[in-house]
Each structure stands twice: as C-alpha cells, then as structure tokens.
C-alpha atoms as a PDB file:
ATOM      1  CA  MET A   1     -32.790 -25.785  -1.077  1.00  0.00           C
ATOM      2  CA  THR A   2     -32.930 -22.523  -3.022  1.00  0.00           C
ATOM      3  CA  PRO A   3     -29.714 -20.499  -3.482  1.00  0.00           C
ATOM      4  CA  VAL A   4     -31.028 -17.713  -1.239  1.00  0.00           C
ATOM      5  CA  LEU A   5     -31.950 -20.187   1.513  1.00  0.00           C
ATOM      6  CA  ALA A   6     -28.541 -21.855   1.184  1.00  0.00           C
ATOM      7  CA  VAL A   7     -26.823 -18.491   1.635  1.00  0.00           C
ATOM      8  CA  ASP A   8     -28.959 -17.668   4.674  1.00  0.00           C
ATOM      9  CA  THR A   9     -28.248 -21.055   6.248  1.00  0.00           C
ATOM     10  CA  TRP A  10     -24.484 -20.847   5.704  1.00  0.00           C
ATOM     11  CA  LEU A  11     -24.280 -17.316   7.083  1.00  0.00           C
ATOM     12  CA  ALA A  12     -26.323 -18.321  10.121  1.00  0.00           C
ATOM     13  CA  GLU A  13     -23.850 -21.124  10.804  1.00  0.00           C
ATOM     14  CA  LEU A  14     -20.916 -18.715  10.466  1.00  0.00           C
ATOM     15  CA  SER A  15     -22.526 -16.387  12.970  1.00  0.00           C
ATOM     16  CA  ASP A  16     -23.686 -19.000  15.479  1.00  0.00           C
ATOM     17  CA  GLN A  17     -20.963 -21.639  15.299  1.00  0.00           C
ATOM     18  CA  ARG A  18     -17.824 -19.801  14.165  1.00  0.00           C
ATOM     19  CA  ARG A  19     -18.921 -16.614  15.956  1.00  0.00           C
ATOM     20  CA  LEU A  20     -17.928 -14.315  13.120  1.00  0.00           C
ATOM     21  CA  SER A  21     -18.749 -10.667  13.717  1.00  0.00           C
ATOM     22  CA  ALA A  22     -21.950  -9.157  12.368  1.00  0.00           C
ATOM     23  CA  HIS A  23     -19.810  -6.877  10.171  1.00  0.00           C
ATOM     24  CA  THR A  24     -18.009  -9.847   8.580  1.00  0.00           C
ATOM     25  CA  VAL A  25     -21.251 -11.740   8.018  1.00  0.00           C
ATOM     26  CA  SER A  26     -22.770  -8.644   6.425  1.00  0.00           C
ATOM     27  CA  ASN A  27     -19.802  -8.355   4.042  1.00  0.00           C
ATOM     28  CA  TYR A  28     -20.101 -12.043   3.140  1.00  0.00           C
ATOM     29  CA  ARG A  29     -23.799 -11.578   2.436  1.00  0.00           C
ATOM     30  CA  ARG A  30     -23.078  -8.731  -0.004  1.00  0.00           C
ATOM     31  CA  ASP A  31     -20.380 -10.812  -1.708  1.00  0.00           C
ATOM     32  CA  LEU A  32     -22.717 -13.788  -2.087  1.00  0.00           C
ATOM     33  CA  GLN A  33     -25.456 -11.543  -3.437  1.00  0.00           C
ATOM     34  CA  LYS A  34     -22.980 -10.534  -6.160  1.00  0.00           C
ATOM     35  CA  LEU A  35     -22.430 -14.226  -6.908  1.00  0.00           C
ATOM     36  CA  LEU A  36     -26.142 -14.978  -7.196  1.00  0.00           C
ATOM     37  CA  ALA A  37     -26.702 -11.904  -9.354  1.00  0.00           C
ATOM     38  CA  ALA A  38     -23.868 -12.906 -11.687  1.00  0.00           C
ATOM     39  CA  ALA A  39     -25.094 -16.507 -11.894  1.00  0.00           C
ATOM     40  CA  GLY A  40     -28.634 -15.427 -12.777  1.00  0.00           C
ATOM     41  CA  ASP A  41     -30.692 -18.482 -13.742  1.00  0.00           C
ATOM     42  CA  LEU A  42     -27.689 -20.852 -13.698  1.00  0.00           C
ATOM     43  CA  PRO A  43     -27.995 -23.443 -10.894  1.00  0.00           C
ATOM     44  CA  LEU A  44     -25.163 -23.316  -8.365  1.00  0.00           C
ATOM     45  CA  ALA A  45     -24.372 -26.977  -9.057  1.00  0.00           C
ATOM     46  CA  SER A  46     -23.739 -26.167 -12.733  1.00  0.00           C
ATOM     47  CA  LEU A  47     -21.175 -23.413 -12.132  1.00  0.00           C
ATOM     48  CA  GLN A  48     -17.641 -24.203 -13.239  1.00  0.00           C
ATOM     49  CA  VAL A  49     -14.278 -22.489 -13.084  1.00  0.00           C
ATOM     50  CA  HIS A  50     -14.786 -20.582 -16.336  1.00  0.00           C
ATOM     51  CA  HIS A  51     -18.059 -19.150 -14.991  1.00  0.00           C
ATOM     52  CA  LEU A  52     -16.373 -17.885 -11.839  1.00  0.00           C
ATOM     53  CA  ARG A  53     -13.484 -16.401 -13.812  1.00  0.00           C
ATOM     54  CA  ARG A  54     -16.013 -14.490 -15.910  1.00  0.00           C
ATOM     55  CA  PHE A  55     -17.839 -13.271 -12.783  1.00  0.00           C
ATOM     56  CA  VAL A  56     -14.566 -11.989 -11.317  1.00  0.00           C
ATOM     57  CA  ALA A  57     -13.661 -10.255 -14.575  1.00  0.00           C
ATOM     58  CA  GLN A  58     -17.080  -8.608 -14.729  1.00  0.00           C
ATOM     59  CA  LEU A  59     -16.817  -7.298 -11.176  1.00  0.00           C
ATOM     60  CA  HIS A  60     -13.285  -6.060 -11.837  1.00  0.00           C
ATOM     61  CA  GLY A  61     -14.535  -4.283 -14.928  1.00  0.00           C
ATOM     62  CA  GLN A  62     -17.208  -2.615 -12.813  1.00  0.00           C
ATOM     63  CA  GLY A  63     -14.482  -1.113 -10.640  1.00  0.00           C
ATOM     64  CA  LEU A  64     -14.224  -3.613  -7.774  1.00  0.00           C
ATOM     65  CA  ALA A  65     -10.665  -3.492  -6.432  1.00  0.00           C
ATOM     66  CA  GLY A  66      -8.383  -6.466  -5.968  1.00  0.00           C
ATOM     67  CA  ARG A  67      -8.826  -6.589  -2.194  1.00  0.00           C
ATOM     68  CA  SER A  68     -12.610  -6.550  -2.509  1.00  0.00           C
ATOM     69  CA  LEU A  69     -12.468  -9.270  -5.137  1.00  0.00           C
ATOM     70  CA  ALA A  70     -10.199 -11.344  -2.900  1.00  0.00           C
ATOM     71  CA  ARG A  71     -12.719 -11.078  -0.075  1.00  0.00           C
ATOM     72  CA  ALA A  72     -15.562 -11.984  -2.439  1.00  0.00           C
ATOM     73  CA  LEU A  73     -13.672 -15.018  -3.720  1.00  0.00           C
ATOM     74  CA  SER A  74     -12.967 -16.089  -0.151  1.00  0.00           C
ATOM     75  CA  ALA A  75     -16.685 -15.911   0.641  1.00  0.00           C
ATOM     76  CA  TRP A  76     -17.610 -17.766  -2.544  1.00  0.00           C
ATOM     77  CA  ARG A  77     -14.981 -20.453  -1.931  1.00  0.00           C
ATOM     78  CA  GLY A  78     -16.184 -21.021   1.630  1.00  0.00           C
ATOM     79  CA  PHE A  79     -19.794 -21.161   0.487  1.00  0.00           C
ATOM     80  CA  PHE A  80     -19.103 -23.731  -2.237  1.00  0.00           C
ATOM     81  CA  HIS A  81     -17.040 -25.798   0.202  1.00  0.00           C
ATOM     82  CA  TRP A  82     -20.038 -25.839   2.535  1.00  0.00           C
ATOM     83  CA  LEU A  83     -22.321 -26.846  -0.349  1.00  0.00           C
ATOM     84  CA  GLY A  84     -19.902 -29.620  -1.310  1.00  0.00           C
ATOM     85  CA  GLU A  85     -19.925 -31.050   2.219  1.00  0.00           C
ATOM     86  CA  ARG A  86     -23.700 -31.406   1.877  1.00  0.00           C
ATOM     87  CA  GLY A  87     -23.569 -32.993  -1.573  1.00  0.00           C
ATOM     88  CA  MET A  88     -25.156 -29.978  -3.250  1.00  0.00           C
ATOM     89  CA  VAL A  89     -22.212 -29.398  -5.637  1.00  0.00           C
ATOM     90  CA  LYS A  90     -19.643 -31.878  -6.959  1.00  0.00           C
ATOM     91  CA  ALA A  91     -16.603 -29.573  -6.986  1.00  0.00           C
ATOM     92  CA  ASN A  92     -15.585 -26.109  -5.837  1.00  0.00           C
ATOM     93  CA  PRO A  93     -15.470 -23.885  -8.944  1.00  0.00           C
ATOM     94  CA  CYS A  94     -13.424 -21.263  -7.067  1.00  0.00           C
ATOM     95  CA  ASP A  95     -10.393 -23.523  -6.659  1.00  0.00           C
ATOM     96  CA  GLY A  96      -7.373 -22.136  -8.481  1.00  0.00           C
ATOM     97  CA  ILE A  97      -8.883 -18.699  -9.127  1.00  0.00           C
ATOM     98  CA  ARG A  98      -6.887 -15.715  -7.915  1.00  0.00           C
ATOM     99  CA  PRO A  99      -8.081 -12.110  -7.844  1.00  0.00           C
ATOM    100  CA  PRO A 100      -6.188  -9.348  -9.691  1.00  0.00           C
ATOM    101  CA  LYS A 101      -3.575  -7.739  -7.496  1.00  0.00           C
ATOM    102  CA  SER A 102      -4.064  -4.296  -6.037  1.00  0.00           C
ATOM    103  CA  PRO A 103      -1.192  -1.981  -5.165  1.00  0.00           C
ATOM    104  CA  ARG A 104      -0.318  -2.273  -1.488  1.00  0.00           C
ATOM    105  CA  MET A 105      -0.821   1.000   0.317  1.00  0.00           C
ATOM    106  CA  LEU A 106       0.394   1.937   3.753  1.00  0.00           C
ATOM    107  CA  PRO A 107      -2.389   2.860   6.177  1.00  0.00           C
ATOM    108  CA  LYS A 108      -2.775   6.565   6.835  1.00  0.00           C
ATOM    109  CA  ALA A 109      -1.693   7.835  10.211  1.00  0.00           C
ATOM    110  CA  LEU A 110      -1.626  11.199  11.937  1.00  0.00           C
ATOM    111  CA  SER A 111       1.649  12.808  12.879  1.00  0.00           C
ATOM    112  CA  VAL A 112       2.416  13.287  16.558  1.00  0.00           C
ATOM    113  CA  ASP A 113       1.604  17.010  16.258  1.00  0.00           C
ATOM    114  CA  GLU A 114      -1.701  16.312  14.475  1.00  0.00           C
ATOM    115  CA  THR A 115      -2.650  13.799  17.149  1.00  0.00           C
ATOM    116  CA  ALA A 116      -1.899  16.332  19.879  1.00  0.00           C
ATOM    117  CA  ARG A 117      -4.155  18.870  18.130  1.00  0.00           C
ATOM    118  CA  LEU A 118      -6.928  16.311  17.754  1.00  0.00           C
ATOM    119  CA  LEU A 119      -6.846  15.425  21.445  1.00  0.00           C
ATOM    120  CA  MET A 120      -7.037  19.005  22.659  1.00  0.00           C
ATOM    121  CA  PRO A 121     -10.426  19.908  24.207  1.00  0.00           C
ATOM    122  CA  VAL A 122     -12.618  21.955  21.858  1.00  0.00           C
ATOM    123  CA  GLU A 123     -15.488  24.288  22.612  1.00  0.00           C
ATOM    124  CA  ASP A 124     -18.853  22.549  22.315  1.00  0.00           C
ATOM    125  CA  ASP A 125     -22.438  23.611  22.868  1.00  0.00           C
ATOM    126  CA  ASP A 126     -22.833  20.504  25.024  1.00  0.00           C
ATOM    127  CA  PRO A 127     -19.983  20.083  27.562  1.00  0.00           C
ATOM    128  CA  VAL A 128     -21.190  16.589  28.532  1.00  0.00           C
ATOM    129  CA  GLN A 129     -20.906  15.340  24.952  1.00  0.00           C
ATOM    130  CA  ALA A 130     -17.555  17.098  24.639  1.00  0.00           C
ATOM    131  CA  ALA A 131     -16.252  15.233  27.717  1.00  0.00           C
ATOM    132  CA  ARG A 132     -17.551  11.943  26.322  1.00  0.00           C
ATOM    133  CA  ASP A 133     -15.945  12.529  22.937  1.00  0.00           C
ATOM    134  CA  LEU A 134     -12.578  13.421  24.395  1.00  0.00           C
ATOM    135  CA  ALA A 135     -12.634  10.297  26.581  1.00  0.00           C
ATOM    136  CA  MET A 136     -13.475   8.158  23.523  1.00  0.00           C
ATOM    137  CA  PHE A 137     -10.752   9.608  21.340  1.00  0.00           C
ATOM    138  CA  GLU A 138      -8.127   9.478  24.072  1.00  0.00           C
ATOM    139  CA  LEU A 139      -8.952   5.814  24.670  1.00  0.00           C
ATOM    140  CA  PHE A 140      -8.935   5.099  20.923  1.00  0.00           C
ATOM    141  CA  TYR A 141      -5.437   6.503  20.559  1.00  0.00           C
ATOM    142  CA  SER A 142      -4.039   5.371  23.904  1.00  0.00           C
ATOM    143  CA  SER A 143      -4.947   1.716  23.428  1.00  0.00           C
ATOM    144  CA  GLY A 144      -5.177   1.238  19.649  1.00  0.00           C
ATOM    145  CA  LEU A 145      -8.720  -0.096  19.795  1.00  0.00           C
ATOM    146  CA  ARG A 146     -10.867  -1.041  16.849  1.00  0.00           C
ATOM    147  CA  LEU A 147     -14.102   0.908  16.412  1.00  0.00           C
ATOM    148  CA  ALA A 148     -16.221  -2.146  17.252  1.00  0.00           C
ATOM    149  CA  GLU A 149     -14.133  -2.829  20.369  1.00  0.00           C
ATOM    150  CA  LEU A 150     -14.575   0.691  21.701  1.00  0.00           C
ATOM    151  CA  ALA A 151     -18.300   0.805  20.946  1.00  0.00           C
ATOM    152  CA  ALA A 152     -18.814  -2.518  22.758  1.00  0.00           C
ATOM    153  CA  LEU A 153     -17.178  -1.430  26.030  1.00  0.00           C
ATOM    154  CA  ASP A 154     -19.394  -1.507  29.093  1.00  0.00           C
ATOM    155  CA  LEU A 155     -19.226   0.744  32.125  1.00  0.00           C
ATOM    156  CA  ASP A 156     -17.753  -1.995  34.315  1.00  0.00           C
ATOM    157  CA  VAL A 157     -14.410  -1.868  32.451  1.00  0.00           C
ATOM    158  CA  LEU A 158     -13.656   1.446  34.166  1.00  0.00           C
ATOM    159  CA  GLU A 159     -12.612  -0.269  37.389  1.00  0.00           C
ATOM    160  CA  GLY A 160      -9.754  -2.070  35.651  1.00  0.00           C
ATOM    161  CA  VAL A 161      -8.861   1.006  33.623  1.00  0.00           C
ATOM    162  CA  LEU A 162      -8.581   3.317  36.625  1.00  0.00           C
ATOM    163  CA  LEU A 163      -7.046   0.830  39.085  1.00  0.00           C
ATOM    164  CA  GLU A 164      -4.762  -1.178  36.806  1.00  0.00           C
ATOM    165  CA  GLY A 165      -4.248   1.202  33.877  1.00  0.00           C
ATOM    166  CA  GLU A 166      -5.435  -1.391  31.358  1.00  0.00           C
ATOM    167  CA  VAL A 167      -8.583  -2.418  29.538  1.00  0.00           C
ATOM    168  CA  ARG A 168      -9.799  -5.871  28.489  1.00  0.00           C
ATOM    169  CA  VAL A 169     -11.415  -5.922  25.060  1.00  0.00           C
ATOM    170  CA  LEU A 170     -13.026  -8.594  22.927  1.00  0.00           C
ATOM    171  CA  GLY A 171     -11.542  -8.491  19.446  1.00  0.00           C
ATOM    172  CA  LYS A 172     -12.129 -10.367  16.218  1.00  0.00           C
ATOM    173  CA  ARG A 173     -13.390 -13.954  16.534  1.00  0.00           C
ATOM    174  CA  SER A 174     -14.192 -13.163  20.185  1.00  0.00           C
ATOM    175  CA  LYS A 175     -10.495 -13.189  21.098  1.00  0.00           C
ATOM    176  CA  ALA A 176      -9.855 -11.257  24.322  1.00  0.00           C
ATOM    177  CA  ARG A 177      -6.756  -9.170  24.961  1.00  0.00           C
ATOM    178  CA  ILE A 178      -5.606  -6.691  27.589  1.00  0.00           C
ATOM    179  CA  VAL A 179      -4.089  -3.393  26.477  1.00  0.00           C
ATOM    180  CA  PRO A 180      -2.620  -0.498  28.484  1.00  0.00           C
ATOM    181  CA  VAL A 181      -4.427   2.796  28.951  1.00  0.00           C
ATOM    182  CA  GLY A 182      -2.351   5.967  29.228  1.00  0.00           C
ATOM    183  CA  ALA A 183      -2.622   8.670  31.871  1.00  0.00           C
ATOM    184  CA  HIS A 184      -4.340  11.209  29.598  1.00  0.00           C
ATOM    185  CA  ALA A 185      -7.005   8.693  28.640  1.00  0.00           C
ATOM    186  CA  ARG A 186      -7.574   7.710  32.263  1.00  0.00           C
ATOM    187  CA  ALA A 187      -7.976  11.356  33.274  1.00  0.00           C
ATOM    188  CA  ALA A 188     -10.499  11.947  30.472  1.00  0.00           C
ATOM    189  CA  LEU A 189     -12.425   8.831  31.517  1.00  0.00           C
ATOM    190  CA  VAL A 190     -12.631  10.071  35.116  1.00  0.00           C
ATOM    191  CA  VAL A 191     -14.259  13.282  33.876  1.00  0.00           C
ATOM    192  CA  TRP A 192     -16.654  11.354  31.647  1.00  0.00           C
ATOM    193  CA  ARG A 193     -17.627   8.949  34.436  1.00  0.00           C
ATOM    194  CA  ALA A 194     -18.700  11.882  36.606  1.00  0.00           C
ATOM    195  CA  LEU A 195     -20.919  13.265  33.804  1.00  0.00           C
ATOM    196  CA  ARG A 196     -22.177  10.042  32.191  1.00  0.00           C
ATOM    197  CA  GLU A 197     -25.343   9.762  34.295  1.00  0.00           C
ATOM    198  CA  GLN A 198     -26.587  13.025  32.764  1.00  0.00           C
ATOM    199  CA  LEU A 199     -26.995  11.175  29.459  1.00  0.00           C
ATOM    200  CA  ALA A 200     -27.273   7.467  30.240  1.00  0.00           C
ATOM    201  CA  ALA A 201     -30.595   5.671  30.566  1.00  0.00           C
ATOM    202  CA  PRO A 202     -31.082   4.061  34.011  1.00  0.00           C
ATOM    203  CA  ASP A 203     -30.246   0.482  32.976  1.00  0.00           C
ATOM    204  CA  GLU A 204     -27.801   1.237  30.151  1.00  0.00           C
ATOM    205  CA  ARG A 205     -24.544  -0.756  30.502  1.00  0.00           C
ATOM    206  CA  ALA A 206     -22.573   0.955  27.720  1.00  0.00           C
ATOM    207  CA  LEU A 207     -19.558   3.041  28.661  1.00  0.00           C
ATOM    208  CA  PHE A 208     -20.213   5.578  25.901  1.00  0.00           C
ATOM    209  CA  VAL A 209     -23.819   6.638  25.347  1.00  0.00           C
ATOM    210  CA  SER A 210     -25.670   8.961  23.009  1.00  0.00           C
ATOM    211  CA  ARG A 211     -27.953  11.898  23.827  1.00  0.00           C
ATOM    212  CA  ARG A 212     -30.803   9.375  23.862  1.00  0.00           C
ATOM    213  CA  GLY A 213     -29.075   7.504  26.677  1.00  0.00           C
ATOM    214  CA  VAL A 214     -28.234   4.334  24.758  1.00  0.00           C
ATOM    215  CA  ARG A 215     -25.003   2.838  23.412  1.00  0.00           C
ATOM    216  CA  LEU A 216     -23.340   4.972  20.751  1.00  0.00           C
ATOM    217  CA  SER A 217     -23.460   3.410  17.294  1.00  0.00           C
ATOM    218  CA  HIS A 218     -20.393   2.970  15.104  1.00  0.00           C
ATOM    219  CA  ARG A 219     -21.685   5.596  12.689  1.00  0.00           C
ATOM    220  CA  SER A 220     -22.226   8.124  15.497  1.00  0.00           C
ATOM    221  CA  ILE A 221     -18.690   7.644  16.779  1.00  0.00           C
ATOM    222  CA  GLN A 222     -17.311   8.147  13.272  1.00  0.00           C
ATOM    223  CA  ALA A 223     -19.364  11.309  12.832  1.00  0.00           C
ATOM    224  CA  ARG A 224     -18.289  12.741  16.200  1.00  0.00           C
ATOM    225  CA  LEU A 225     -14.623  12.084  15.417  1.00  0.00           C
ATOM    226  CA  GLY A 226     -14.900  13.759  12.021  1.00  0.00           C
ATOM    227  CA  ARG A 227     -16.624  16.757  13.612  1.00  0.00           C
ATOM    228  CA  HIS A 228     -14.002  16.963  16.360  1.00  0.00           C
ATOM    229  CA  ALA A 229     -11.161  16.840  13.824  1.00  0.00           C
ATOM    230  CA  MET A 230     -12.781  19.627  11.817  1.00  0.00           C
ATOM    231  CA  HIS A 231     -13.050  21.825  14.926  1.00  0.00           C
ATOM    232  CA  ALA A 232      -9.410  21.035  15.716  1.00  0.00           C
ATOM    233  CA  GLY A 233      -8.480  22.428  12.302  1.00  0.00           C
ATOM    234  CA  LEU A 234      -6.984  19.238  10.881  1.00  0.00           C
ATOM    235  CA  PRO A 235      -6.628  19.491   7.101  1.00  0.00           C
ATOM    236  CA  ARG A 236      -7.932  15.999   6.305  1.00  0.00           C
ATOM    237  CA  HIS A 237     -10.697  13.581   7.140  1.00  0.00           C
ATOM    238  CA  VAL A 238     -10.022  11.599  10.306  1.00  0.00           C
ATOM    239  CA  HIS A 239     -11.705   8.252  10.861  1.00  0.00           C
ATOM    240  CA  PRO A 240     -11.483   5.827  13.813  1.00  0.00           C
ATOM    241  CA  HIS A 241      -9.081   3.401  12.136  1.00  0.00           C
ATOM    242  CA  MET A 242      -6.692   6.286  11.556  1.00  0.00           C
ATOM    243  CA  LEU A 243      -6.314   6.638  15.327  1.00  0.00           C
ATOM    244  CA  ARG A 244      -5.522   2.926  15.557  1.00  0.00           C
ATOM    245  CA  HIS A 245      -2.879   3.266  12.832  1.00  0.00           C
ATOM    246  CA  SER A 246      -1.469   6.351  14.544  1.00  0.00           C
ATOM    247  CA  PHE A 247      -1.195   4.485  17.840  1.00  0.00           C
ATOM    248  CA  ALA A 248       0.667   1.631  16.147  1.00  0.00           C
ATOM    249  CA  SER A 249       3.008   3.937  14.227  1.00  0.00           C
ATOM    250  CA  HIS A 250       3.885   6.088  17.216  1.00  0.00           C
ATOM    251  CA  VAL A 251       4.469   3.107  19.540  1.00  0.00           C
ATOM    252  CA  LEU A 252       6.677   1.467  16.921  1.00  0.00           C
ATOM    253  CA  GLN A 253       8.642   4.676  16.371  1.00  0.00           C
ATOM    254  CA  SER A 254       9.349   5.023  20.086  1.00  0.00           C
ATOM    255  CA  SER A 255       9.963   1.358  20.954  1.00  0.00           C
ATOM    256  CA  GLY A 256      10.923  -0.450  17.753  1.00  0.00           C
ATOM    257  CA  ASP A 257       9.160  -3.538  19.159  1.00  0.00           C
ATOM    258  CA  LEU A 258       6.975  -4.876  16.353  1.00  0.00           C
ATOM    259  CA  ARG A 259       5.929  -7.950  18.331  1.00  0.00           C
ATOM    260  CA  ALA A 260       4.620  -5.832  21.202  1.00  0.00           C
ATOM    261  CA  VAL A 261       2.641  -3.694  18.755  1.00  0.00           C
ATOM    262  CA  GLN A 262       1.178  -6.880  17.241  1.00  0.00           C
ATOM    263  CA  GLU A 263      -0.011  -8.040  20.656  1.00  0.00           C
ATOM    264  CA  MET A 264      -1.543  -4.681  21.540  1.00  0.00           C
ATOM    265  CA  LEU A 265      -3.357  -4.453  18.210  1.00  0.00           C
ATOM    266  CA  GLY A 266      -4.626  -8.014  18.523  1.00  0.00           C
ATOM    267  CA  HIS A 267      -3.289  -9.111  15.126  1.00  0.00           C
ATOM    268  CA  ALA A 268      -3.221 -12.881  14.662  1.00  0.00           C
ATOM    269  CA  SER A 269      -0.329 -12.577  12.197  1.00  0.00           C
ATOM    270  CA  ILE A 270       2.797 -10.442  12.417  1.00  0.00           C
ATOM    271  CA  ALA A 271       2.355  -9.845   8.676  1.00  0.00           C
ATOM    272  CA  SER A 272      -0.744  -7.758   9.362  1.00  0.00           C
ATOM    273  CA  THR A 273       1.241  -5.566  11.725  1.00  0.00           C
ATOM    274  CA  GLN A 274       4.101  -5.258   9.260  1.00  0.00           C
END
C-alpha cells in the first residue's frame, strides 16, 4: 500500500467508523501531507524517532505554532498506530515526542455593550437577508452554538425553539445536546420564519438559506457576520467563535456556574471550559 493510499484509507475509516467531522478529517489530511512531504523518499516503515523530531523542528522553524504542531503530532501518532495494527510499521516513531509549548491565550470575547451593538438591526439593501442575519446572530449568541452547529440546523428545529425555548444541536463526534434559546433570539426567528420562503428553494430543509435558496455555507455566515459588525461600527473583526466565547463569558459572569456553561457549550472536559 502506498503512503498516499494508506492516508486515504485511514481518513476514510475515521470519517465512516469514528464519525469525525469533515473539518477534523480535512485538518488531519493537511497534517499527514506535511508528514509525507517531510519524509520525501523515506519509506514510512523506516521512520524513527529522530526523523520525527527533525520534522517537528523543521515545521516549527517554518513558523508552525505549538498548538498546530500538537495537532499534527496527534494525527501522525494515530496514523502510525493504525499502520502498526496492520503490521506495516514495527513501532510508533511519534511516541515520546512532545511539541514546543505555545503561550496560552484567553479567547477573545465581546463586551456586553459591544454585543448589544452587534445585535441591533442595521439598514440593509435586502430586508429579507437582514432578518435572516439577525436571527442567526441572535441564535449564535443566545445559545453559544458552534458555527458548524448553526449551519447544520434544519427548519424543523423551530417548533422546539418557539414552543419550548430550546434547540437540539448535534455537536462534535455527533454528540447531541439541548441548549436554551432566549426571548430576543426567538423573536428574531419568528420574523425570519415568515420571510424565509422568499429565499428558500422548494425542497430546502435548512433553517438558514442563501440568496440562491440553499443552505448557507460556513464561509458565507462568517462573511455576513463580519459585514454586520462593520455596519454596527465595532472597532474589531468579529467572527462566529467570538459570539460563542461572548455567550460563555457573559453567562459565567452572571451565574458563576462553570459546570452549567460546560454543558451548554458541549465541552467534554471542564478544562476546555476553564
């Protein structure tokens, strides 16, 4: 089996059997491409610890940060473990290798006043898109959703949102959770529901759709949020994860309940929330 075919096979198993997200699999593919590029003509079975240490040092010298190197090493380690189970390598050359440490930085969050400015309606040439955007951003902030979770929502979640004041989302590793939806978000969703059919294709299931009538892509949502923040006069770039961080920070400030914030964010470990 060639190295490229081995990578493709392992990633396919991760996607099909472990149900890793497409984003995670894509990151692993890039990390493994770095490994194959660094190895060059060296067979995978011949790689040893000193080779992998040199690869890590080279990538670090090219500017790859500690967190990115840690993710790459994790992908490499998992790949070699898989190869070892199939008798294609005798030992895992990644064992015992640690990436250089990066300084830990707190995630950026908006202040309460900045969030209020962001969630104010803005003038738009297209009032239907403006209503959609406001509903998206209100739901982002109200429920602390990930970008992928919001983009994946279907129209049928509205019944639970409007009747029960909560939304069921499918998070990382296909783990479902139920999170509350605030009154402002529910009101914005009511407005969007009444206008959605002006954009949506007849059989489109997505809650949030583009001008072409199909599900909004991650990149489109990011672009609309950045545009909205600019119109709101915010002095810095706003991205979807910033709304998630803002939700977590503001809930924690008002309640002091870290465990509840962990559950709403869908973190497997309390350390991630901390």
